[in-house]
Amino acid sequence: MERFGAARDLVLGYVHALNAIDEAMKVAIPSLERLADVVGLARSRRISRSDHIGTYSYKVHGAGCRFVSDNGTEVDVDFAADGSEIFDLWRLRGYGLSLPEPLDLTDQDIRSAVQSLQPLLSEVQPGWFSVAN
């Protein structure tokens, strides 16, 4: 597969995985209104900072959380002040490297793919992206 197509598939795969994690966490924690609430629940000690829920393990860090599926695929995401999910090229690249068949793409390949996916994705601050509402 050409690099651009692979990069585009990687970005779409990350977004799909993030949506799957959001759904799984809401099923596991009924009080969860949005994925960003995991950070608040961990800070208030209502859930552990790291645990295994369903088919994911998670670890809350700084402004975000790292999720790892049972197959080893990693989705690391930060949360903006409004609770929206944001990610950068480093997080997308880490996702690609963690896939069962790792994808090692350059930041430029990934950036081109992200730009091609606007308006699905928007750049919320330089180098940080979010799925558009």
Protein backbone atom coordinates (compact mmCIF):
# COMPACT_ATOMS: atom_id res chain seq x y z
CA MET A 1 0.00 0.00 0.00
CA GLU A 2 1.31 3.44 -0.81
CA ARG A 3 2.48 5.53 2.14
CA PHE A 4 -0.31 8.11 1.92
CA GLY A 5 -3.02 5.42 1.90
CA ALA A 6 -1.33 3.64 4.80
CA ALA A 7 -1.10 6.89 6.77
CA ARG A 8 -4.75 7.69 6.06
CA ASP A 9 -5.78 4.19 7.20
CA LEU A 10 -3.69 4.62 10.35
CA VAL A 11 -5.41 7.91 11.26
CA LEU A 12 -8.88 6.49 10.55
CA GLY A 13 -7.98 3.37 12.56
CA TYR A 14 -6.96 5.53 15.53
CA VAL A 15 -10.26 7.45 15.38
CA HIS A 16 -12.20 4.17 15.13
CA ALA A 17 -10.26 2.68 18.08
CA LEU A 18 -10.90 5.83 20.13
CA ASN A 19 -14.64 5.54 19.45
CA ALA A 20 -14.60 1.84 20.42
CA ILE A 21 -12.79 2.69 23.69
CA ASP A 22 -15.32 5.45 24.42
CA GLU A 23 -18.21 3.00 23.98
CA ALA A 24 -16.54 0.23 26.01
CA MET A 25 -15.73 2.57 28.90
CA LYS A 26 -19.28 3.97 28.97
CA VAL A 27 -20.64 0.42 29.21
CA ALA A 28 -18.16 -0.48 31.97
CA ILE A 29 -18.66 2.77 33.92
CA PRO A 30 -22.31 3.84 33.53
CA SER A 31 -21.70 7.24 35.19
CA LEU A 32 -19.22 8.14 32.42
CA GLU A 33 -20.70 10.85 30.20
CA ARG A 34 -17.59 11.25 28.06
CA LEU A 35 -14.18 9.62 27.90
CA ALA A 36 -12.48 12.64 29.51
CA ASP A 37 -14.38 11.88 32.73
CA VAL A 38 -11.96 8.97 33.30
CA VAL A 39 -9.32 11.52 34.35
CA GLY A 40 -11.65 13.21 36.85
CA LEU A 41 -12.81 9.89 38.28
CA ALA A 42 -9.20 8.80 38.76
CA ARG A 43 -8.20 12.11 40.37
CA SER A 44 -11.14 11.89 42.77
CA ARG A 45 -10.12 8.27 43.50
CA ARG A 46 -13.52 6.89 42.40
CA ILE A 47 -11.61 4.64 39.99
CA SER A 48 -7.99 3.56 39.98
CA ARG A 49 -5.44 5.55 37.94
CA SER A 50 -4.72 2.31 36.09
CA ASP A 51 -6.84 -0.78 35.70
CA HIS A 52 -8.26 -3.29 33.24
CA ILE A 53 -11.83 -2.76 32.07
CA GLY A 54 -13.40 -5.04 29.47
CA THR A 55 -10.88 -5.61 26.69
CA TYR A 56 -8.75 -2.57 27.62
CA SER A 57 -6.25 -1.65 30.24
CA TYR A 58 -5.85 2.05 30.93
CA LYS A 59 -3.45 4.38 32.68
CA VAL A 60 -4.38 7.99 33.45
CA HIS A 61 -1.52 10.46 32.95
CA GLY A 62 -1.32 14.25 33.09
CA ALA A 63 -4.05 15.57 30.81
CA GLY A 64 -4.97 12.23 29.28
CA CYS A 65 -5.08 8.49 29.30
CA ARG A 66 -3.35 5.60 27.55
CA PHE A 67 -5.52 2.65 26.59
CA VAL A 68 -4.13 -0.71 25.52
CA SER A 69 -6.42 -3.32 23.98
CA ASP A 70 -5.98 -7.02 24.73
CA ASN A 71 -4.19 -7.38 21.35
CA GLY A 72 -1.60 -4.78 22.40
CA THR A 73 -2.83 -1.86 20.31
CA GLU A 74 -2.21 1.43 22.13
CA VAL A 75 -4.38 4.53 21.95
CA ASP A 76 -2.99 7.47 23.90
CA VAL A 77 -5.22 10.53 24.08
CA ASP A 78 -5.21 13.85 25.89
CA PHE A 79 -8.25 15.89 26.79
CA ALA A 80 -8.72 19.62 26.17
CA ALA A 81 -10.17 21.88 28.86
CA ASP A 82 -13.65 21.34 27.37
CA GLY A 83 -13.25 17.55 27.61
CA SER A 84 -12.76 16.96 23.90
CA GLU A 85 -10.34 14.24 22.86
CA ILE A 86 -7.15 15.61 21.31
CA PHE A 87 -4.11 13.89 19.85
CA ASP A 88 -0.88 14.76 18.09
CA LEU A 89 1.37 13.10 15.52
CA TRP A 90 3.39 11.36 18.26
CA ARG A 91 0.23 9.63 19.57
CA LEU A 92 -0.83 8.63 16.05
CA ARG A 93 2.65 7.26 15.34
CA GLY A 94 2.64 5.28 18.62
CA TYR A 95 -0.72 3.79 17.66
CA GLY A 96 0.71 2.72 14.30
CA LEU A 97 3.77 1.11 15.90
CA SER A 98 1.57 -0.84 18.36
CA LEU A 99 -0.62 -2.45 15.68
CA PRO A 100 -0.39 -6.24 15.21
CA GLU A 101 1.31 -5.43 11.89
CA PRO A 102 3.21 -2.26 12.89
CA LEU A 103 3.08 0.78 10.62
CA ASP A 104 6.16 2.99 10.91
CA LEU A 105 5.34 6.21 9.09
CA THR A 106 6.99 9.61 9.16
CA ASP A 107 5.39 12.60 10.84
CA GLN A 108 5.05 14.18 7.40
CA ASP A 109 3.13 11.14 6.07
CA ILE A 110 0.80 11.28 9.07
CA ARG A 111 0.39 15.08 8.90
CA SER A 112 -0.58 14.84 5.20
CA ALA A 113 -3.14 12.16 6.04
CA VAL A 114 -4.61 14.24 8.88
CA GLN A 115 -4.86 17.29 6.61
CA SER A 116 -6.59 15.20 3.93
CA LEU A 117 -9.21 14.16 6.50
CA GLN A 118 -10.43 17.67 7.26
CA PRO A 119 -13.24 18.50 8.00
CA LEU A 120 -13.55 15.08 9.78
CA LEU A 121 -10.55 16.18 11.87
CA SER A 122 -9.67 19.70 12.91
CA GLU A 123 -6.42 21.18 14.18
CA VAL A 124 -7.44 22.63 17.54
CA GLN A 125 -4.03 24.09 18.31
CA PRO A 126 -0.75 23.80 16.40
CA GLY A 127 0.07 20.10 16.07
CA TRP A 128 -2.97 18.90 18.03
CA PHE A 129 -6.04 17.45 16.39
CA SER A 130 -9.58 16.51 17.34
CA VAL A 131 -12.45 14.72 15.67
CA ALA A 132 -14.88 17.42 14.53
CA ASN A 133 -18.31 17.46 16.18
